[in-house]
Amino acid sequence: MDNIIEVSNVSKSFKETTALDDVSIAFERKKIHGIIGRNGSGKTVLLKCICGFMIPDKGSICINGKKISPQKSQEIGIIIDSPGFNPNMSAYRNLKMLASLNHKISRQQIKEVISLVGLDPDSKKHVGKFSMGMKQRLGLAQAIMENPPLLILDEPMNGLDKEGVSQVREILLSLKEKGITILLSSHYTGDIELLCDTVTEMEAGKIVSTTTGGHTDSSE
């Protein structure tokens, strides 16, 4: 089995609260993996540890066989918490500024990815006037714009209307077809059923079950 992420005996606590309790799990490359659980189950903390945003108290996490650390740059597209953008700039200017850090993509590619998520790349509207759903779309554009091999998405459907949810599902399935691995959490069982090849359930910082075969053809 070709795993892109390997989590080994990871624990994380905040004062009296144990967020992760000796968690071990691996995620196979080129699949969509879902993590479900109630608020406080530990799923967001696990995603943040995998991204390197939080440091586990014990255990290790490897991506592509290399142990992660906050100091190392990971090729990961990320949506965790509310996407943070300059509220006084347009969608295009926000992504152009972020893309200039790595110089990997052109202006045309930035516009194409904004269009892909259903936004107008030529709009001058400031992000501060965006709805939550529009900000979520822009966050997805930021996460995927440099074509990372791994996407980590915490509740990517938040704030989206029915059309937006359907559109994002199609985008994620198309990214999987391109060989991108996606790890996502969602409160929506429909997302899990339609998108995910594996489903991991968490409760009180522990993994209580992992099942396969959650994904069904979206045309059904």
N, C-alpha and C. Protein backbone atom coordinates (compact mmCIF):
# COMPACT_ATOMS: atom_id res chain seq x y z
N MET A 1 0.84 -1.20 0.00
CA MET A 1 0.00 0.00 0.00
C MET A 1 0.88 1.25 0.00
N ASP A 2 0.57 2.20 -0.88
CA ASP A 2 1.38 3.40 -1.03
C ASP A 2 0.75 4.53 -0.23
N ASN A 3 1.26 4.74 0.98
CA ASN A 3 0.69 5.76 1.86
C ASN A 3 1.40 7.09 1.68
N ILE A 4 0.61 8.17 1.61
CA ILE A 4 1.20 9.51 1.54
C ILE A 4 1.32 10.12 2.93
N ILE A 5 0.43 9.72 3.86
CA ILE A 5 0.45 10.22 5.25
C ILE A 5 0.50 9.04 6.20
N GLU A 6 1.39 9.12 7.18
CA GLU A 6 1.46 8.09 8.23
C GLU A 6 1.51 8.78 9.59
N VAL A 7 0.49 8.53 10.39
CA VAL A 7 0.39 9.09 11.74
C VAL A 7 0.65 7.97 12.72
N SER A 8 1.63 8.15 13.61
CA SER A 8 2.04 7.07 14.52
C SER A 8 1.99 7.52 15.97
N ASN A 9 1.05 6.96 16.74
CA ASN A 9 0.96 7.15 18.19
C ASN A 9 0.97 8.62 18.60
N VAL A 10 0.16 9.42 17.92
CA VAL A 10 0.14 10.86 18.16
C VAL A 10 -0.85 11.22 19.26
N SER A 11 -0.37 12.01 20.22
CA SER A 11 -1.22 12.54 21.28
C SER A 11 -1.03 14.05 21.36
N LYS A 12 -2.12 14.74 21.73
CA LYS A 12 -2.07 16.19 21.88
C LYS A 12 -3.08 16.61 22.93
N SER A 13 -2.61 17.38 23.92
CA SER A 13 -3.49 17.84 24.99
C SER A 13 -3.41 19.35 25.14
N PHE A 14 -4.51 19.92 25.62
CA PHE A 14 -4.59 21.34 25.95
C PHE A 14 -5.06 21.44 27.39
N LYS A 15 -4.14 21.74 28.30
CA LYS A 15 -4.43 21.79 29.74
C LYS A 15 -5.05 20.45 30.18
N GLU A 16 -6.32 20.47 30.58
CA GLU A 16 -6.96 19.26 31.09
C GLU A 16 -7.64 18.44 29.99
N THR A 17 -7.63 18.96 28.76
CA THR A 17 -8.36 18.31 27.68
C THR A 17 -7.42 17.53 26.76
N THR A 18 -7.73 16.26 26.54
CA THR A 18 -6.97 15.44 25.60
C THR A 18 -7.66 15.50 24.25
N ALA A 19 -7.00 16.16 23.28
CA ALA A 19 -7.60 16.32 21.95
C ALA A 19 -7.32 15.12 21.07
N LEU A 20 -6.11 14.55 21.19
CA LEU A 20 -5.74 13.34 20.46
C LEU A 20 -5.12 12.36 21.45
N ASP A 21 -5.57 11.12 21.39
CA ASP A 21 -5.15 10.12 22.37
C ASP A 21 -4.55 8.91 21.67
N ASP A 22 -3.22 8.95 21.45
CA ASP A 22 -2.48 7.82 20.87
C ASP A 22 -3.07 7.40 19.51
N VAL A 23 -3.17 8.37 18.61
CA VAL A 23 -3.79 8.12 17.30
C VAL A 23 -2.75 7.59 16.31
N SER A 24 -3.09 6.49 15.66
CA SER A 24 -2.26 5.94 14.58
C SER A 24 -3.16 5.63 13.39
N ILE A 25 -2.77 6.15 12.23
CA ILE A 25 -3.55 5.91 11.02
C ILE A 25 -2.69 6.27 9.81
N ALA A 26 -2.98 5.65 8.68
CA ALA A 26 -2.28 5.96 7.43
C ALA A 26 -3.31 6.23 6.35
N PHE A 27 -2.93 7.11 5.41
CA PHE A 27 -3.82 7.47 4.31
C PHE A 27 -3.13 7.20 2.99
N GLU A 28 -3.81 6.43 2.15
CA GLU A 28 -3.23 6.00 0.88
C GLU A 28 -3.27 7.12 -0.16
N ARG A 29 -2.26 7.12 -0.99
CA ARG A 29 -2.13 8.12 -2.04
C ARG A 29 -3.25 8.01 -3.08
N LYS A 30 -3.60 9.15 -3.70
CA LYS A 30 -4.51 9.24 -4.84
C LYS A 30 -5.95 8.82 -4.50
N LYS A 31 -6.33 9.01 -3.25
CA LYS A 31 -7.71 8.72 -2.83
C LYS A 31 -8.26 9.90 -2.05
N ILE A 32 -9.58 9.89 -1.85
CA ILE A 32 -10.22 10.89 -0.99
C ILE A 32 -10.58 10.21 0.33
N HIS A 33 -10.05 10.75 1.41
CA HIS A 33 -10.25 10.17 2.74
C HIS A 33 -11.08 11.14 3.60
N GLY A 34 -12.15 10.63 4.17
CA GLY A 34 -13.00 11.45 5.01
C GLY A 34 -12.76 11.20 6.49
N ILE A 35 -12.85 12.27 7.28
CA ILE A 35 -12.79 12.16 8.74
C ILE A 35 -14.07 12.77 9.29
N ILE A 36 -14.81 12.00 10.06
CA ILE A 36 -16.06 12.48 10.63
C ILE A 36 -16.00 12.40 12.16
N GLY A 37 -16.89 13.14 12.79
CA GLY A 37 -16.95 13.15 14.25
C GLY A 37 -17.62 14.41 14.73
N ARG A 38 -18.13 14.35 15.93
CA ARG A 38 -18.79 15.53 16.51
C ARG A 38 -17.76 16.61 16.81
N ASN A 39 -18.26 17.83 17.08
CA ASN A 39 -17.37 18.89 17.53
C ASN A 39 -16.64 18.44 18.79
N GLY A 40 -15.33 18.64 18.80
CA GLY A 40 -14.53 18.21 19.94
C GLY A 40 -14.02 16.79 19.83
N SER A 41 -14.29 16.12 18.71
CA SER A 41 -13.86 14.73 18.56
C SER A 41 -12.36 14.61 18.30
N GLY A 42 -11.74 15.72 17.84
CA GLY A 42 -10.30 15.71 17.58
C GLY A 42 -9.94 15.78 16.12
N LYS A 43 -10.93 15.81 15.23
CA LYS A 43 -10.61 15.74 13.81
C LYS A 43 -9.86 16.98 13.31
N THR A 44 -10.26 18.17 13.76
CA THR A 44 -9.56 19.37 13.31
C THR A 44 -8.16 19.44 13.89
N VAL A 45 -7.98 19.02 15.13
CA VAL A 45 -6.64 19.00 15.73
C VAL A 45 -5.74 18.03 14.97
N LEU A 46 -6.28 16.88 14.58
CA LEU A 46 -5.50 15.93 13.79
C LEU A 46 -5.06 16.55 12.47
N LEU A 47 -5.98 17.23 11.78
CA LEU A 47 -5.63 17.87 10.52
C LEU A 47 -4.56 18.94 10.72
N LYS A 48 -4.68 19.71 11.79
CA LYS A 48 -3.69 20.76 12.06
C LYS A 48 -2.32 20.18 12.37
N CYS A 49 -2.29 19.04 13.03
CA CYS A 49 -1.00 18.38 13.30
C CYS A 49 -0.39 17.85 12.01
N ILE A 50 -1.22 17.30 11.13
CA ILE A 50 -0.71 16.80 9.85
C ILE A 50 -0.15 17.94 9.01
N CYS A 51 -0.79 19.10 9.07
CA CYS A 51 -0.31 20.26 8.32
C CYS A 51 0.95 20.89 8.91
N GLY A 52 1.24 20.57 10.17
CA GLY A 52 2.37 21.20 10.84
C GLY A 52 1.99 22.46 11.59
N PHE A 53 0.68 22.76 11.66
CA PHE A 53 0.23 23.95 12.39
C PHE A 53 0.30 23.74 13.90
N MET A 54 0.20 22.49 14.34
CA MET A 54 0.34 22.14 15.75
C MET A 54 1.39 21.04 15.89
N ILE A 55 2.09 21.07 17.00
CA ILE A 55 3.11 20.06 17.26
C ILE A 55 2.56 19.04 18.26
N PRO A 56 2.53 17.76 17.91
CA PRO A 56 2.03 16.75 18.86
C PRO A 56 2.88 16.70 20.12
N ASP A 57 2.27 16.33 21.24
CA ASP A 57 3.01 16.13 22.48
C ASP A 57 3.86 14.87 22.40
N LYS A 58 3.38 13.87 21.67
CA LYS A 58 4.15 12.64 21.45
C LYS A 58 3.72 12.04 20.12
N GLY A 59 4.55 11.14 19.62
CA GLY A 59 4.26 10.49 18.35
C GLY A 59 4.88 11.23 17.18
N SER A 60 4.65 10.72 15.97
CA SER A 60 5.23 11.32 14.78
C SER A 60 4.25 11.26 13.61
N ILE A 61 4.46 12.19 12.68
CA ILE A 61 3.67 12.25 11.45
C ILE A 61 4.62 12.39 10.28
N CYS A 62 4.46 11.52 9.29
CA CYS A 62 5.28 11.57 8.09
C CYS A 62 4.42 11.80 6.86
N ILE A 63 4.91 12.66 5.97
CA ILE A 63 4.30 12.86 4.67
C ILE A 63 5.34 12.51 3.62
N ASN A 64 4.96 11.61 2.72
CA ASN A 64 5.90 11.10 1.72
C ASN A 64 7.16 10.54 2.37
N GLY A 65 6.99 9.89 3.53
CA GLY A 65 8.10 9.25 4.21
C GLY A 65 9.00 10.16 4.99
N LYS A 66 8.68 11.46 5.04
CA LYS A 66 9.52 12.43 5.75
C LYS A 66 8.74 13.01 6.92
N LYS A 67 9.39 13.02 8.08
CA LYS A 67 8.76 13.56 9.27
C LYS A 67 8.52 15.05 9.11
N ILE A 68 7.31 15.49 9.42
CA ILE A 68 6.98 16.90 9.24
C ILE A 68 7.42 17.72 10.45
N SER A 69 7.62 19.00 10.20
CA SER A 69 7.89 19.95 11.27
C SER A 69 7.45 21.32 10.78
N PRO A 70 7.15 22.25 11.70
CA PRO A 70 6.69 23.59 11.28
C PRO A 70 7.72 24.32 10.42
N GLN A 71 9.01 23.96 10.57
CA GLN A 71 10.05 24.65 9.82
C GLN A 71 10.16 24.19 8.37
N LYS A 72 9.61 23.01 8.07
CA LYS A 72 9.72 22.46 6.73
C LYS A 72 8.51 22.84 5.89
N SER A 73 8.79 23.23 4.65
CA SER A 73 7.71 23.55 3.73
C SER A 73 7.10 22.27 3.19
N GLN A 74 5.78 22.14 3.35
CA GLN A 74 5.09 20.97 2.84
C GLN A 74 4.28 21.37 1.60
N GLU A 75 4.28 20.51 0.61
CA GLU A 75 3.47 20.79 -0.58
C GLU A 75 2.04 20.32 -0.32
N ILE A 76 1.32 21.15 0.42
CA ILE A 76 -0.05 20.83 0.82
C ILE A 76 -0.94 22.03 0.54
N GLY A 77 -2.09 21.77 -0.07
CA GLY A 77 -3.12 22.79 -0.17
C GLY A 77 -4.03 22.66 1.03
N ILE A 78 -4.32 23.76 1.70
CA ILE A 78 -4.97 23.68 3.01
C ILE A 78 -6.17 24.63 3.12
N ILE A 79 -7.28 24.11 3.63
CA ILE A 79 -8.37 24.95 4.17
C ILE A 79 -8.63 24.47 5.59
N ILE A 80 -8.24 25.27 6.56
CA ILE A 80 -8.53 24.99 7.97
C ILE A 80 -8.93 26.30 8.63
N ASP A 81 -10.04 26.30 9.36
CA ASP A 81 -10.63 27.50 9.92
C ASP A 81 -11.12 28.38 8.77
N SER A 82 -11.47 29.61 9.05
CA SER A 82 -11.96 30.51 8.01
C SER A 82 -10.78 30.99 7.17
N PRO A 83 -10.90 30.92 5.84
CA PRO A 83 -9.79 31.39 5.00
C PRO A 83 -9.48 32.85 5.30
N GLY A 84 -8.20 33.18 5.45
CA GLY A 84 -7.79 34.54 5.77
C GLY A 84 -7.26 35.27 4.54
N PHE A 85 -7.93 36.36 4.17
CA PHE A 85 -7.52 37.14 3.01
C PHE A 85 -7.51 38.62 3.38
N ASN A 86 -6.83 39.43 2.58
CA ASN A 86 -6.86 40.88 2.76
C ASN A 86 -8.25 41.38 2.36
N PRO A 87 -9.01 41.92 3.29
CA PRO A 87 -10.39 42.30 2.99
C PRO A 87 -10.51 43.48 2.03
N ASN A 88 -9.42 44.21 1.83
CA ASN A 88 -9.45 45.41 0.99
C ASN A 88 -8.90 45.17 -0.41
N MET A 89 -8.80 43.89 -0.78
CA MET A 89 -8.32 43.53 -2.11
C MET A 89 -9.30 42.58 -2.78
N SER A 90 -9.26 42.53 -4.09
CA SER A 90 -10.12 41.62 -4.85
C SER A 90 -9.62 40.18 -4.71
N ALA A 91 -10.44 39.25 -5.19
CA ALA A 91 -10.04 37.84 -5.18
C ALA A 91 -8.75 37.64 -5.97
N TYR A 92 -8.70 38.22 -7.15
CA TYR A 92 -7.51 38.05 -7.99
C TYR A 92 -6.27 38.63 -7.33
N ARG A 93 -6.38 39.84 -6.79
CA ARG A 93 -5.20 40.46 -6.16
C ARG A 93 -4.73 39.67 -4.94
N ASN A 94 -5.68 39.11 -4.17
CA ASN A 94 -5.29 38.28 -3.04
C ASN A 94 -4.48 37.08 -3.48
N LEU A 95 -4.98 36.35 -4.49
CA LEU A 95 -4.27 35.15 -4.94
C LEU A 95 -2.97 35.51 -5.65
N LYS A 96 -2.94 36.62 -6.38
CA LYS A 96 -1.71 37.05 -7.05
C LYS A 96 -0.62 37.33 -6.02
N MET A 97 -1.00 37.98 -4.92
CA MET A 97 -0.02 38.27 -3.87
C MET A 97 0.51 36.97 -3.26
N LEU A 98 -0.37 36.01 -2.98
CA LEU A 98 0.06 34.73 -2.41
C LEU A 98 0.90 33.93 -3.41
N ALA A 99 0.50 33.96 -4.68
CA ALA A 99 1.24 33.20 -5.69
C ALA A 99 2.64 33.76 -5.91
N SER A 100 2.83 35.04 -5.64
CA SER A 100 4.14 35.66 -5.85
C SER A 100 5.20 35.14 -4.88
N LEU A 101 4.75 34.47 -3.81
CA LEU A 101 5.72 33.93 -2.84
C LEU A 101 6.51 32.76 -3.43
N ASN A 102 5.87 31.97 -4.29
CA ASN A 102 6.53 30.79 -4.84
C ASN A 102 6.82 30.88 -6.34
N HIS A 103 6.18 31.81 -7.01
CA HIS A 103 6.40 32.02 -8.46
C HIS A 103 6.21 30.73 -9.26
N LYS A 104 5.17 29.97 -8.92
CA LYS A 104 4.92 28.70 -9.60
C LYS A 104 3.89 28.82 -10.72
N ILE A 105 3.01 29.81 -10.62
CA ILE A 105 1.91 29.89 -11.59
C ILE A 105 1.81 31.29 -12.18
N SER A 106 1.22 31.37 -13.37
CA SER A 106 1.09 32.63 -14.09
C SER A 106 -0.20 33.36 -13.70
N ARG A 107 -0.31 34.60 -14.15
CA ARG A 107 -1.52 35.37 -13.91
C ARG A 107 -2.73 34.68 -14.54
N GLN A 108 -2.55 34.13 -15.73
CA GLN A 108 -3.64 33.44 -16.40
C GLN A 108 -4.10 32.23 -15.61
N GLN A 109 -3.16 31.49 -15.03
CA GLN A 109 -3.51 30.32 -14.23
C GLN A 109 -4.27 30.73 -12.97
N ILE A 110 -3.92 31.87 -12.40
CA ILE A 110 -4.65 32.38 -11.24
C ILE A 110 -6.10 32.66 -11.62
N LYS A 111 -6.29 33.32 -12.77
CA LYS A 111 -7.64 33.63 -13.23
C LYS A 111 -8.43 32.36 -13.52
N GLU A 112 -7.77 31.37 -14.08
CA GLU A 112 -8.45 30.12 -14.41
C GLU A 112 -8.94 29.40 -13.16
N VAL A 113 -8.14 29.40 -12.10
CA VAL A 113 -8.54 28.69 -10.89
C VAL A 113 -9.66 29.45 -10.16
N ILE A 114 -9.67 30.78 -10.28
CA ILE A 114 -10.77 31.56 -9.70
C ILE A 114 -12.07 31.24 -10.43
N SER A 115 -12.00 31.14 -11.75
CA SER A 115 -13.18 30.77 -12.53
C SER A 115 -13.64 29.36 -12.20
N LEU A 116 -12.68 28.46 -11.98
CA LEU A 116 -13.00 27.06 -11.69
C LEU A 116 -13.89 26.92 -10.47
N VAL A 117 -13.67 27.76 -9.46
CA VAL A 117 -14.46 27.65 -8.22
C VAL A 117 -15.72 28.50 -8.27
N GLY A 118 -16.02 29.09 -9.43
CA GLY A 118 -17.28 29.80 -9.59
C GLY A 118 -17.25 31.27 -9.23
N LEU A 119 -16.07 31.88 -9.20
CA LEU A 119 -15.96 33.31 -8.94
C LEU A 119 -15.50 34.03 -10.21
N ASP A 120 -15.69 35.35 -10.25
CA ASP A 120 -15.29 36.16 -11.40
C ASP A 120 -13.88 36.70 -11.17
N PRO A 121 -12.91 36.24 -11.97
CA PRO A 121 -11.53 36.69 -11.75
C PRO A 121 -11.30 38.16 -12.08
N ASP A 122 -12.22 38.78 -12.83
CA ASP A 122 -12.06 40.19 -13.21
C ASP A 122 -12.85 41.13 -12.31
N SER A 123 -13.57 40.59 -11.34
CA SER A 123 -14.34 41.42 -10.43
C SER A 123 -13.42 42.24 -9.53
N LYS A 124 -13.79 43.50 -9.33
CA LYS A 124 -13.02 44.39 -8.45
C LYS A 124 -13.55 44.38 -7.01
N LYS A 125 -14.60 43.59 -6.78
CA LYS A 125 -15.22 43.55 -5.46
C LYS A 125 -14.21 43.09 -4.41
N HIS A 126 -14.13 43.84 -3.32
CA HIS A 126 -13.21 43.49 -2.25
C HIS A 126 -13.69 42.25 -1.49
N VAL A 127 -12.73 41.43 -1.07
CA VAL A 127 -13.06 40.19 -0.37
C VAL A 127 -13.80 40.47 0.93
N GLY A 128 -13.58 41.63 1.52
CA GLY A 128 -14.27 41.99 2.75
C GLY A 128 -15.78 42.06 2.57
N LYS A 129 -16.24 42.20 1.32
CA LYS A 129 -17.68 42.26 1.04
C LYS A 129 -18.21 40.91 0.54
N PHE A 130 -17.36 39.89 0.54
CA PHE A 130 -17.78 38.55 0.11
C PHE A 130 -18.68 37.90 1.16
N SER A 131 -19.58 37.06 0.71
CA SER A 131 -20.32 36.20 1.63
C SER A 131 -19.39 35.10 2.13
N MET A 132 -19.85 34.37 3.15
CA MET A 132 -19.05 33.26 3.67
C MET A 132 -18.79 32.22 2.58
N GLY A 133 -19.81 31.95 1.78
CA GLY A 133 -19.65 30.98 0.71
C GLY A 133 -18.63 31.41 -0.32
N MET A 134 -18.62 32.70 -0.68
CA MET A 134 -17.64 33.21 -1.64
C MET A 134 -16.23 33.12 -1.08
N LYS A 135 -16.08 33.41 0.22
CA LYS A 135 -14.76 33.28 0.84
C LYS A 135 -14.30 31.83 0.85
N GLN A 136 -15.25 30.92 1.07
CA GLN A 136 -14.91 29.50 1.08
C GLN A 136 -14.46 29.06 -0.32
N ARG A 137 -15.13 29.56 -1.36
CA ARG A 137 -14.72 29.25 -2.74
C ARG A 137 -13.31 29.77 -3.01
N LEU A 138 -13.04 30.99 -2.55
CA LEU A 138 -11.72 31.58 -2.75
C LEU A 138 -10.66 30.80 -1.98
N GLY A 139 -11.04 30.33 -0.79
CA GLY A 139 -10.11 29.50 -0.02
C GLY A 139 -9.75 28.22 -0.75
N LEU A 140 -10.74 27.62 -1.41
CA LEU A 140 -10.47 26.42 -2.21
C LEU A 140 -9.56 26.76 -3.39
N ALA A 141 -9.81 27.89 -4.03
CA ALA A 141 -8.94 28.31 -5.14
C ALA A 141 -7.50 28.46 -4.67
N GLN A 142 -7.32 29.07 -3.51
CA GLN A 142 -5.96 29.22 -2.96
C GLN A 142 -5.33 27.86 -2.70
N ALA A 143 -6.13 26.94 -2.16
CA ALA A 143 -5.59 25.63 -1.79
C ALA A 143 -5.13 24.83 -3.01
N ILE A 144 -5.83 24.98 -4.13
CA ILE A 144 -5.54 24.13 -5.28
C ILE A 144 -4.73 24.82 -6.37
N MET A 145 -4.49 26.14 -6.24
CA MET A 145 -3.96 26.88 -7.38
C MET A 145 -2.55 26.45 -7.81
N GLU A 146 -1.75 25.94 -6.90
CA GLU A 146 -0.40 25.52 -7.28
C GLU A 146 -0.30 24.01 -7.49
N ASN A 147 -1.47 23.38 -7.63
CA ASN A 147 -1.55 21.95 -7.95
C ASN A 147 -0.75 21.08 -6.98
N PRO A 148 -1.00 21.20 -5.68
CA PRO A 148 -0.26 20.39 -4.71
C PRO A 148 -0.70 18.93 -4.79
N PRO A 149 0.19 17.99 -4.45
CA PRO A 149 -0.17 16.57 -4.50
C PRO A 149 -1.09 16.14 -3.37
N LEU A 150 -1.25 17.01 -2.34
CA LEU A 150 -2.06 16.68 -1.17
C LEU A 150 -2.90 17.88 -0.77
N LEU A 151 -4.21 17.64 -0.59
CA LEU A 151 -5.12 18.66 -0.10
C LEU A 151 -5.66 18.25 1.26
N ILE A 152 -5.66 19.18 2.21
CA ILE A 152 -6.24 18.93 3.53
C ILE A 152 -7.31 19.99 3.76
N LEU A 153 -8.56 19.55 3.82
CA LEU A 153 -9.70 20.47 3.82
C LEU A 153 -10.60 20.20 5.02
N ASP A 154 -10.70 21.17 5.90
CA ASP A 154 -11.55 21.04 7.08
C ASP A 154 -12.88 21.75 6.80
N GLU A 155 -13.94 20.97 6.67
CA GLU A 155 -15.28 21.49 6.38
C GLU A 155 -15.27 22.41 5.14
N PRO A 156 -14.86 21.91 3.99
CA PRO A 156 -14.76 22.77 2.79
C PRO A 156 -16.10 23.24 2.24
N MET A 157 -17.22 22.62 2.68
CA MET A 157 -18.54 23.01 2.17
C MET A 157 -19.22 24.08 3.02
N ASN A 158 -18.58 24.51 4.10
CA ASN A 158 -19.20 25.51 4.98
C ASN A 158 -19.58 26.77 4.22
N GLY A 159 -20.82 27.21 4.41
CA GLY A 159 -21.26 28.47 3.82
C GLY A 159 -21.70 28.39 2.38
N LEU A 160 -21.59 27.22 1.75
CA LEU A 160 -21.95 27.08 0.35
C LEU A 160 -23.43 26.73 0.20
N ASP A 161 -24.05 27.27 -0.85
CA ASP A 161 -25.42 26.87 -1.16
C ASP A 161 -25.39 25.53 -1.89
N LYS A 162 -26.57 25.02 -2.24
CA LYS A 162 -26.67 23.70 -2.85
C LYS A 162 -25.86 23.60 -4.13
N GLU A 163 -25.93 24.66 -4.95
CA GLU A 163 -25.17 24.67 -6.20
C GLU A 163 -23.67 24.67 -5.93
N GLY A 164 -23.26 25.46 -4.93
CA GLY A 164 -21.84 25.53 -4.59
C GLY A 164 -21.31 24.20 -4.08
N VAL A 165 -22.10 23.52 -3.25
CA VAL A 165 -21.69 22.20 -2.74
C VAL A 165 -21.50 21.23 -3.89
N SER A 166 -22.45 21.21 -4.82
CA SER A 166 -22.36 20.33 -5.98
C SER A 166 -21.12 20.63 -6.82
N GLN A 167 -20.84 21.92 -6.98
CA GLN A 167 -19.69 22.33 -7.79
C GLN A 167 -18.38 21.91 -7.13
N VAL A 168 -18.27 22.12 -5.83
CA VAL A 168 -17.04 21.75 -5.12
C VAL A 168 -16.84 20.24 -5.13
N ARG A 169 -17.93 19.49 -4.98
CA ARG A 169 -17.81 18.04 -5.06
C ARG A 169 -17.22 17.62 -6.40
N GLU A 170 -17.71 18.22 -7.49
CA GLU A 170 -17.21 17.89 -8.82
C GLU A 170 -15.73 18.24 -8.95
N ILE A 171 -15.34 19.39 -8.38
CA ILE A 171 -13.93 19.80 -8.43
C ILE A 171 -13.05 18.79 -7.70
N LEU A 172 -13.49 18.37 -6.51
CA LEU A 172 -12.68 17.43 -5.73
C LEU A 172 -12.55 16.08 -6.43
N LEU A 173 -13.63 15.61 -7.02
CA LEU A 173 -13.55 14.34 -7.75
C LEU A 173 -12.64 14.45 -8.97
N SER A 174 -12.65 15.62 -9.64
CA SER A 174 -11.76 15.80 -10.79
C SER A 174 -10.31 15.87 -10.35
N LEU A 175 -10.05 16.45 -9.18
CA LEU A 175 -8.68 16.50 -8.65
C LEU A 175 -8.19 15.10 -8.31
N LYS A 176 -9.08 14.28 -7.75
CA LYS A 176 -8.71 12.89 -7.47
C LYS A 176 -8.32 12.16 -8.75
N GLU A 177 -9.08 12.42 -9.83
CA GLU A 177 -8.77 11.79 -11.11
C GLU A 177 -7.39 12.18 -11.61
N LYS A 178 -6.92 13.35 -11.20
CA LYS A 178 -5.58 13.80 -11.59
C LYS A 178 -4.48 13.24 -10.68
N GLY A 179 -4.88 12.42 -9.69
CA GLY A 179 -3.90 11.80 -8.81
C GLY A 179 -3.61 12.54 -7.53
N ILE A 180 -4.43 13.55 -7.22
CA ILE A 180 -4.24 14.31 -5.98
C ILE A 180 -4.93 13.59 -4.82
N THR A 181 -4.23 13.50 -3.70
CA THR A 181 -4.79 12.90 -2.49
C THR A 181 -5.53 13.98 -1.70
N ILE A 182 -6.72 13.66 -1.22
CA ILE A 182 -7.53 14.63 -0.48
C ILE A 182 -7.94 14.05 0.86
N LEU A 183 -7.68 14.80 1.90
CA LEU A 183 -8.10 14.44 3.26
C LEU A 183 -9.06 15.52 3.72
N LEU A 184 -10.31 15.15 3.99
CA LEU A 184 -11.30 16.17 4.35
C LEU A 184 -12.14 15.75 5.53
N SER A 185 -12.58 16.76 6.27
CA SER A 185 -13.57 16.52 7.31
C SER A 185 -14.87 17.19 6.88
N SER A 186 -15.98 16.63 7.29
CA SER A 186 -17.27 17.21 6.92
C SER A 186 -18.34 16.75 7.89
N HIS A 187 -19.30 17.66 8.15
CA HIS A 187 -20.48 17.29 8.92
C HIS A 187 -21.56 16.72 8.02
N TYR A 188 -21.37 16.87 6.70
CA TYR A 188 -22.40 16.46 5.75
C TYR A 188 -22.17 15.03 5.31
N THR A 189 -23.09 14.14 5.66
CA THR A 189 -22.94 12.74 5.28
C THR A 189 -22.96 12.57 3.77
N GLY A 190 -23.65 13.49 3.06
CA GLY A 190 -23.68 13.41 1.60
C GLY A 190 -22.30 13.57 1.00
N ASP A 191 -21.49 14.48 1.57
CA ASP A 191 -20.12 14.65 1.08
C ASP A 191 -19.33 13.35 1.25
N ILE A 192 -19.47 12.75 2.40
CA ILE A 192 -18.72 11.53 2.69
C ILE A 192 -19.14 10.40 1.76
N GLU A 193 -20.45 10.23 1.58
CA GLU A 193 -20.95 9.14 0.75
C GLU A 193 -20.55 9.30 -0.71
N LEU A 194 -20.58 10.54 -1.20
CA LEU A 194 -20.31 10.78 -2.62
C LEU A 194 -18.82 10.87 -2.94
N LEU A 195 -18.03 11.29 -1.99
CA LEU A 195 -16.64 11.62 -2.29
C LEU A 195 -15.61 10.61 -1.81
N CYS A 196 -15.83 10.01 -0.65
CA CYS A 196 -14.71 9.38 0.06
C CYS A 196 -14.53 7.89 -0.24
N ASP A 197 -13.26 7.52 -0.39
CA ASP A 197 -12.88 6.11 -0.54
C ASP A 197 -12.72 5.43 0.81
N THR A 198 -12.31 6.20 1.82
CA THR A 198 -12.25 5.69 3.18
C THR A 198 -12.89 6.71 4.12
N VAL A 199 -13.46 6.22 5.20
CA VAL A 199 -14.10 7.10 6.19
C VAL A 199 -13.60 6.71 7.57
N THR A 200 -13.02 7.68 8.26
CA THR A 200 -12.52 7.47 9.62
C THR A 200 -13.37 8.26 10.60
N GLU A 201 -13.90 7.57 11.60
CA GLU A 201 -14.71 8.25 12.61
C GLU A 201 -13.90 8.45 13.88
N MET A 202 -13.96 9.68 14.41
CA MET A 202 -13.24 10.00 15.64
C MET A 202 -14.22 10.37 16.75
N GLU A 203 -13.82 10.05 17.97
CA GLU A 203 -14.63 10.39 19.14
C GLU A 203 -13.69 10.54 20.33
N ALA A 204 -13.79 11.67 21.01
CA ALA A 204 -12.99 11.93 22.22
C ALA A 204 -11.50 11.71 21.98
N GLY A 205 -11.02 12.16 20.81
CA GLY A 205 -9.59 12.08 20.51
C GLY A 205 -9.08 10.75 20.06
N LYS A 206 -9.98 9.80 19.87
CA LYS A 206 -9.59 8.47 19.42
C LYS A 206 -10.27 8.13 18.10
N ILE A 207 -9.64 7.23 17.35
CA ILE A 207 -10.26 6.68 16.16
C ILE A 207 -11.12 5.50 16.57
N VAL A 208 -12.42 5.58 16.27
CA VAL A 208 -13.32 4.51 16.69
C VAL A 208 -13.65 3.55 15.55
N SER A 209 -13.49 4.01 14.30
CA SER A 209 -13.70 3.10 13.18
C SER A 209 -13.11 3.69 11.91
N THR A 210 -12.70 2.79 11.01
CA THR A 210 -12.28 3.19 9.67
C THR A 210 -12.91 2.22 8.70
N THR A 211 -13.65 2.75 7.74
CA THR A 211 -14.31 1.91 6.75
C THR A 211 -13.89 2.32 5.36
N THR A 212 -14.02 1.42 4.42
CA THR A 212 -13.70 1.69 3.02
C THR A 212 -14.96 1.55 2.18
N GLY A 213 -14.86 2.11 0.97
CA GLY A 213 -15.97 1.96 0.03
C GLY A 213 -17.09 2.93 0.23
N GLY A 214 -16.82 4.08 0.90
CA GLY A 214 -17.86 5.07 1.10
C GLY A 214 -18.23 5.78 -0.19
N HIS A 215 -17.29 5.86 -1.12
CA HIS A 215 -17.54 6.61 -2.36
C HIS A 215 -18.44 5.85 -3.30
N THR A 216 -19.43 6.55 -3.83
CA THR A 216 -20.28 6.01 -4.87
C THR A 216 -20.22 6.93 -6.07
N ASP A 217 -20.56 6.42 -7.22
CA ASP A 217 -20.53 7.23 -8.44
C ASP A 217 -21.52 8.38 -8.30
N SER A 218 -21.03 9.62 -8.56
CA SER A 218 -21.86 10.80 -8.35
C SER A 218 -23.02 10.87 -9.33
N SER A 219 -23.03 10.03 -10.37
CA SER A 219 -24.13 10.03 -11.32
C SER A 219 -25.30 9.23 -10.84
N GLU A 220 -25.14 8.45 -9.77
CA GLU A 220 -26.21 7.60 -9.28
C GLU A 220 -27.26 8.42 -8.54
